[in-house]
């Protein structure tokens, strides 16, 4: 019976913490205002770390991004070409295709994203949720990302992305972007 009550308590804590999550609209009045097609246009540099659930830095990495936007069928479509270089010497490439489906509403696709990323922006903030096929050793795990970006200045954006599987927190990616 103790196990049942412990599981119930864990579920209740998870439910209550989910209710307390911020919404992108909470940032609607924050400046500078984030315009994805303006910020992610041209060359950007990013610097990041991945921390595990204990807070230990597991990987450091840099990203060189080449970005551009065009109008296709009346919608803004962005290509974010990301080249990652990790502290262990490995390299990775990810090319995002972002589509603005309504003002402040986006979908995103990339080869290692399962389905579509769903995004919303307001004020200086953007929130993405998506499932990523993450290679670890010789396996690939489908993990969920809750990804928040905050425009700090017209050239600097900070990014925090929580990673989970089956609702269990696995770690966090922290990035700083700099627009050249």
C-alpha atoms as a PDB file:
ATOM      1  CA  UNK A   1       0.000   0.000   0.000  1.00  0.00           C
ATOM      2  CA  UNK A   2       2.932   2.361   0.678  1.00  0.00           C
ATOM      3  CA  UNK A   3       4.070   1.952  -2.907  1.00  0.00           C
ATOM      4  CA  UNK A   4       0.606   2.933  -4.157  1.00  0.00           C
ATOM      5  CA  UNK A   5       0.610   6.127  -2.058  1.00  0.00           C
ATOM      6  CA  UNK A   6       4.125   7.027  -3.180  1.00  0.00           C
ATOM      7  CA  UNK A   7       3.167   6.600  -6.837  1.00  0.00           C
ATOM      8  CA  UNK A   8       0.022   8.642  -6.257  1.00  0.00           C
ATOM      9  CA  UNK A   9       2.088  11.407  -4.629  1.00  0.00           C
ATOM     10  CA  UNK A  10       4.565  11.434  -7.531  1.00  0.00           C
ATOM     11  CA  UNK A  11       1.714  11.657 -10.062  1.00  0.00           C
ATOM     12  CA  UNK A  12       0.068  14.477  -8.099  1.00  0.00           C
ATOM     13  CA  UNK A  13       3.336  16.435  -7.897  1.00  0.00           C
ATOM     14  CA  UNK A  14       3.851  15.973 -11.650  1.00  0.00           C
ATOM     15  CA  UNK A  15       0.294  17.117 -12.361  1.00  0.00           C
ATOM     16  CA  UNK A  16       0.609  20.190 -10.146  1.00  0.00           C
ATOM     17  CA  UNK A  17       3.981  21.188 -11.612  1.00  0.00           C
ATOM     18  CA  UNK A  18       2.542  20.861 -15.135  1.00  0.00           C
ATOM     19  CA  UNK A  19      -0.274  23.224 -14.163  1.00  0.00           C
ATOM     20  CA  UNK A  20       2.259  25.828 -13.022  1.00  0.00           C
ATOM     21  CA  UNK A  21       4.136  25.905 -16.344  1.00  0.00           C
ATOM     22  CA  UNK A  22       4.447  29.285 -18.029  1.00  0.00           C
ATOM     23  CA  UNK A  23       2.529  30.059 -21.196  1.00  0.00           C
ATOM     24  CA  UNK A  24       4.071  31.917 -24.125  1.00  0.00           C
ATOM     25  CA  UNK A  25       1.355  34.584 -23.770  1.00  0.00           C
ATOM     26  CA  UNK A  26       2.826  35.448 -20.348  1.00  0.00           C
ATOM     27  CA  UNK A  27       5.624  37.195 -22.300  1.00  0.00           C
ATOM     28  CA  UNK A  28       3.422  39.158 -24.740  1.00  0.00           C
ATOM     29  CA  UNK A  29       4.438  42.555 -23.330  1.00  0.00           C
ATOM     30  CA  UNK A  30       8.173  41.779 -23.144  1.00  0.00           C
ATOM     31  CA  UNK A  31      10.611  43.618 -25.402  1.00  0.00           C
ATOM     32  CA  UNK A  32      12.424  43.355 -27.710  1.00  0.00           C
ATOM     33  CA  UNK A  33       9.750  41.609 -29.743  1.00  0.00           C
ATOM     34  CA  UNK A  34      10.897  38.365 -31.335  1.00  0.00           C
ATOM     35  CA  UNK A  35      10.262  38.064 -35.074  1.00  0.00           C
ATOM     36  CA  UNK A  36      11.556  34.618 -36.071  1.00  0.00           C
ATOM     37  CA  UNK A  37      12.017  35.520 -39.734  1.00  0.00           C
ATOM     38  CA  UNK A  38      14.060  38.552 -38.735  1.00  0.00           C
ATOM     39  CA  UNK A  39      16.194  37.004 -35.976  1.00  0.00           C
ATOM     40  CA  UNK A  40      16.867  33.667 -37.690  1.00  0.00           C
ATOM     41  CA  UNK A  41      18.025  35.283 -40.917  1.00  0.00           C
ATOM     42  CA  UNK A  42      21.680  35.332 -41.930  1.00  0.00           C
ATOM     43  CA  UNK A  43      24.522  33.795 -39.908  1.00  0.00           C
ATOM     44  CA  UNK A  44      24.239  32.989 -36.216  1.00  0.00           C
ATOM     45  CA  UNK A  45      26.615  31.387 -33.741  1.00  0.00           C
ATOM     46  CA  UNK A  46      25.362  29.367 -30.777  1.00  0.00           C
ATOM     47  CA  UNK A  47      27.144  27.984 -27.722  1.00  0.00           C
ATOM     48  CA  UNK A  48      25.577  25.304 -25.568  1.00  0.00           C
ATOM     49  CA  UNK A  49      25.722  22.626 -22.927  1.00  0.00           C
ATOM     50  CA  UNK A  50      23.689  19.554 -22.099  1.00  0.00           C
ATOM     51  CA  UNK A  51      23.220  18.846 -18.400  1.00  0.00           C
ATOM     52  CA  UNK A  52      21.835  15.578 -17.081  1.00  0.00           C
ATOM     53  CA  UNK A  53      19.116  15.384 -14.425  1.00  0.00           C
ATOM     54  CA  UNK A  54      21.692  15.872 -11.640  1.00  0.00           C
ATOM     55  CA  UNK A  55      22.911  19.105 -13.254  1.00  0.00           C
ATOM     56  CA  UNK A  56      26.246  17.695 -14.428  1.00  0.00           C
ATOM     57  CA  UNK A  57      27.479  19.047 -17.771  1.00  0.00           C
ATOM     58  CA  UNK A  58      27.636  16.006 -20.048  1.00  0.00           C
ATOM     59  CA  UNK A  59      28.398  17.731 -23.369  1.00  0.00           C
ATOM     60  CA  UNK A  60      29.461  21.138 -24.622  1.00  0.00           C
ATOM     61  CA  UNK A  61      28.909  22.219 -28.197  1.00  0.00           C
ATOM     62  CA  UNK A  62      28.941  25.048 -30.719  1.00  0.00           C
ATOM     63  CA  UNK A  63      26.563  25.609 -33.615  1.00  0.00           C
ATOM     64  CA  UNK A  64      27.043  27.564 -36.810  1.00  0.00           C
ATOM     65  CA  UNK A  65      23.669  28.481 -38.324  1.00  0.00           C
ATOM     66  CA  UNK A  66      22.952  29.697 -41.844  1.00  0.00           C
ATOM     67  CA  UNK A  67      19.347  30.891 -42.058  1.00  0.00           C
ATOM     68  CA  UNK A  68      17.055  32.352 -44.699  1.00  0.00           C
ATOM     69  CA  UNK A  69      13.343  32.846 -45.313  1.00  0.00           C
ATOM     70  CA  UNK A  70      11.135  32.929 -48.375  1.00  0.00           C
ATOM     71  CA  UNK A  71       7.415  33.194 -49.062  1.00  0.00           C
ATOM     72  CA  UNK A  72       5.859  29.996 -50.421  1.00  0.00           C
ATOM     73  CA  UNK A  73       2.116  29.835 -51.129  1.00  0.00           C
ATOM     74  CA  UNK A  74       1.665  33.030 -49.129  1.00  0.00           C
ATOM     75  CA  UNK A  75       3.404  31.658 -46.004  1.00  0.00           C
ATOM     76  CA  UNK A  76       6.801  32.521 -44.553  1.00  0.00           C
ATOM     77  CA  UNK A  77       9.075  29.470 -44.713  1.00  0.00           C
ATOM     78  CA  UNK A  78      12.476  29.487 -43.046  1.00  0.00           C
ATOM     79  CA  UNK A  79      15.453  27.189 -43.498  1.00  0.00           C
ATOM     80  CA  UNK A  80      17.781  26.940 -40.494  1.00  0.00           C
ATOM     81  CA  UNK A  81      20.892  25.006 -41.489  1.00  0.00           C
ATOM     82  CA  UNK A  82      22.662  24.026 -38.244  1.00  0.00           C
ATOM     83  CA  UNK A  83      26.201  22.587 -38.049  1.00  0.00           C
ATOM     84  CA  UNK A  84      26.988  21.230 -34.566  1.00  0.00           C
ATOM     85  CA  UNK A  85      30.458  20.516 -33.212  1.00  0.00           C
ATOM     86  CA  UNK A  86      30.605  18.720 -29.851  1.00  0.00           C
ATOM     87  CA  UNK A  87      33.333  18.789 -27.207  1.00  0.00           C
ATOM     88  CA  UNK A  88      34.165  15.135 -27.951  1.00  0.00           C
ATOM     89  CA  UNK A  89      34.954  16.035 -31.583  1.00  0.00           C
ATOM     90  CA  UNK A  90      31.766  14.637 -33.124  1.00  0.00           C
ATOM     91  CA  UNK A  91      29.803  16.679 -35.643  1.00  0.00           C
ATOM     92  CA  UNK A  92      26.134  16.744 -36.521  1.00  0.00           C
ATOM     93  CA  UNK A  93      23.944  18.497 -39.057  1.00  0.00           C
ATOM     94  CA  UNK A  94      20.281  19.463 -38.655  1.00  0.00           C
ATOM     95  CA  UNK A  95      18.254  21.420 -41.182  1.00  0.00           C
ATOM     96  CA  UNK A  96      15.005  22.859 -39.879  1.00  0.00           C
ATOM     97  CA  UNK A  97      12.164  23.926 -42.162  1.00  0.00           C
ATOM     98  CA  UNK A  98       9.947  26.353 -40.260  1.00  0.00           C
ATOM     99  CA  UNK A  99       6.561  27.535 -41.521  1.00  0.00           C
ATOM    100  CA  UNK A 100       4.556  30.374 -40.021  1.00  0.00           C
ATOM    101  CA  UNK A 101       1.015  28.990 -40.199  1.00  0.00           C
ATOM    102  CA  UNK A 102      -0.573  32.038 -38.505  1.00  0.00           C
ATOM    103  CA  UNK A 103       0.817  35.123 -36.778  1.00  0.00           C
ATOM    104  CA  UNK A 104       2.964  33.820 -33.906  1.00  0.00           C
ATOM    105  CA  UNK A 105       2.205  30.150 -34.725  1.00  0.00           C
ATOM    106  CA  UNK A 106       4.754  27.844 -36.335  1.00  0.00           C
ATOM    107  CA  UNK A 107       5.396  24.275 -37.354  1.00  0.00           C
ATOM    108  CA  UNK A 108       8.877  22.902 -37.833  1.00  0.00           C
ATOM    109  CA  UNK A 109      10.342  19.828 -39.460  1.00  0.00           C
ATOM    110  CA  UNK A 110      13.800  18.265 -39.469  1.00  0.00           C
ATOM    111  CA  UNK A 111      15.065  14.799 -40.356  1.00  0.00           C
ATOM    112  CA  UNK A 112      15.528  13.769 -36.714  1.00  0.00           C
ATOM    113  CA  UNK A 113      12.267  15.337 -35.481  1.00  0.00           C
ATOM    114  CA  UNK A 114       9.451  12.813 -35.180  1.00  0.00           C
ATOM    115  CA  UNK A 115       6.375  14.381 -36.773  1.00  0.00           C
ATOM    116  CA  UNK A 116       6.283  18.170 -36.440  1.00  0.00           C
ATOM    117  CA  UNK A 117       7.530  20.658 -33.905  1.00  0.00           C
ATOM    118  CA  UNK A 118       4.766  22.991 -32.744  1.00  0.00           C
ATOM    119  CA  UNK A 119       5.764  26.538 -31.845  1.00  0.00           C
ATOM    120  CA  UNK A 120       4.169  29.720 -30.579  1.00  0.00           C
ATOM    121  CA  UNK A 121       5.679  33.135 -29.955  1.00  0.00           C
ATOM    122  CA  UNK A 122       4.597  36.246 -28.081  1.00  0.00           C
ATOM    123  CA  UNK A 123       6.620  39.267 -27.047  1.00  0.00           C
ATOM    124  CA  UNK A 124      10.260  38.220 -26.671  1.00  0.00           C
ATOM    125  CA  UNK A 125       9.553  34.480 -26.221  1.00  0.00           C
ATOM    126  CA  UNK A 126       9.098  31.373 -28.331  1.00  0.00           C
ATOM    127  CA  UNK A 127       8.037  27.944 -27.085  1.00  0.00           C
ATOM    128  CA  UNK A 128       8.598  24.785 -29.164  1.00  0.00           C
ATOM    129  CA  UNK A 129       7.453  21.277 -28.292  1.00  0.00           C
ATOM    130  CA  UNK A 130       8.621  18.297 -30.289  1.00  0.00           C
ATOM    131  CA  UNK A 131       9.927  14.737 -30.203  1.00  0.00           C
ATOM    132  CA  UNK A 132      13.520  14.183 -31.258  1.00  0.00           C
ATOM    133  CA  UNK A 133      15.055  10.876 -32.382  1.00  0.00           C
ATOM    134  CA  UNK A 134      18.214  11.100 -30.261  1.00  0.00           C
ATOM    135  CA  UNK A 135      21.128   8.750 -31.019  1.00  0.00           C
ATOM    136  CA  UNK A 136      22.865   7.477 -27.859  1.00  0.00           C
ATOM    137  CA  UNK A 137      25.686   5.002 -28.412  1.00  0.00           C
ATOM    138  CA  UNK A 138      24.191   2.528 -30.895  1.00  0.00           C
ATOM    139  CA  UNK A 139      20.535   3.139 -29.992  1.00  0.00           C
ATOM    140  CA  UNK A 140      18.053   5.868 -30.929  1.00  0.00           C
ATOM    141  CA  UNK A 141      15.642   7.163 -28.287  1.00  0.00           C
ATOM    142  CA  UNK A 142      12.553   9.251 -28.959  1.00  0.00           C
ATOM    143  CA  UNK A 143      12.632  12.035 -26.374  1.00  0.00           C
ATOM    144  CA  UNK A 144      10.346  15.001 -25.871  1.00  0.00           C
ATOM    145  CA  UNK A 145      11.602  18.581 -25.805  1.00  0.00           C
ATOM    146  CA  UNK A 146       9.957  21.600 -24.216  1.00  0.00           C
ATOM    147  CA  UNK A 147      12.073  24.322 -25.765  1.00  0.00           C
ATOM    148  CA  UNK A 148      11.951  27.991 -24.672  1.00  0.00           C
ATOM    149  CA  UNK A 149      13.780  30.855 -26.401  1.00  0.00           C
ATOM    150  CA  UNK A 150      13.997  34.421 -25.094  1.00  0.00           C
ATOM    151  CA  UNK A 151      15.242  37.372 -27.147  1.00  0.00           C
ATOM    152  CA  UNK A 152      17.442  39.433 -24.812  1.00  0.00           C
ATOM    153  CA  UNK A 153      18.762  42.015 -27.296  1.00  0.00           C
ATOM    154  CA  UNK A 154      18.337  42.275 -31.081  1.00  0.00           C
ATOM    155  CA  UNK A 155      21.511  40.121 -31.407  1.00  0.00           C
ATOM    156  CA  UNK A 156      21.333  37.778 -28.373  1.00  0.00           C
ATOM    157  CA  UNK A 157      18.825  35.013 -27.620  1.00  0.00           C
ATOM    158  CA  UNK A 158      18.897  32.520 -24.751  1.00  0.00           C
ATOM    159  CA  UNK A 159      17.440  29.029 -25.047  1.00  0.00           C
ATOM    160  CA  UNK A 160      16.491  26.446 -22.403  1.00  0.00           C
ATOM    161  CA  UNK A 161      15.097  23.105 -23.480  1.00  0.00           C
ATOM    162  CA  UNK A 162      13.951  20.440 -21.044  1.00  0.00           C
ATOM    163  CA  UNK A 163      14.240  16.878 -22.267  1.00  0.00           C
ATOM    164  CA  UNK A 164      11.995  14.048 -21.001  1.00  0.00           C
ATOM    165  CA  UNK A 165      10.876  10.521 -21.806  1.00  0.00           C
ATOM    166  CA  UNK A 166       7.544   9.151 -20.600  1.00  0.00           C
ATOM    167  CA  UNK A 167       7.191  12.386 -18.596  1.00  0.00           C
ATOM    168  CA  UNK A 168      10.431  11.727 -16.696  1.00  0.00           C
ATOM    169  CA  UNK A 169      12.914  14.614 -16.727  1.00  0.00           C
ATOM    170  CA  UNK A 170      16.200  13.566 -18.359  1.00  0.00           C
ATOM    171  CA  UNK A 171      18.152  16.803 -18.557  1.00  0.00           C
ATOM    172  CA  UNK A 172      18.387  20.208 -20.131  1.00  0.00           C
ATOM    173  CA  UNK A 173      19.994  21.912 -23.103  1.00  0.00           C
ATOM    174  CA  UNK A 174      21.092  25.516 -22.551  1.00  0.00           C
ATOM    175  CA  UNK A 175      22.130  27.654 -25.524  1.00  0.00           C
ATOM    176  CA  UNK A 176      23.065  31.228 -26.236  1.00  0.00           C
ATOM    177  CA  UNK A 177      22.597  32.497 -29.788  1.00  0.00           C
ATOM    178  CA  UNK A 178      24.482  35.447 -31.249  1.00  0.00           C
ATOM    179  CA  UNK A 179      23.346  37.010 -34.520  1.00  0.00           C
ATOM    180  CA  UNK A 180      26.291  38.351 -36.539  1.00  0.00           C
END
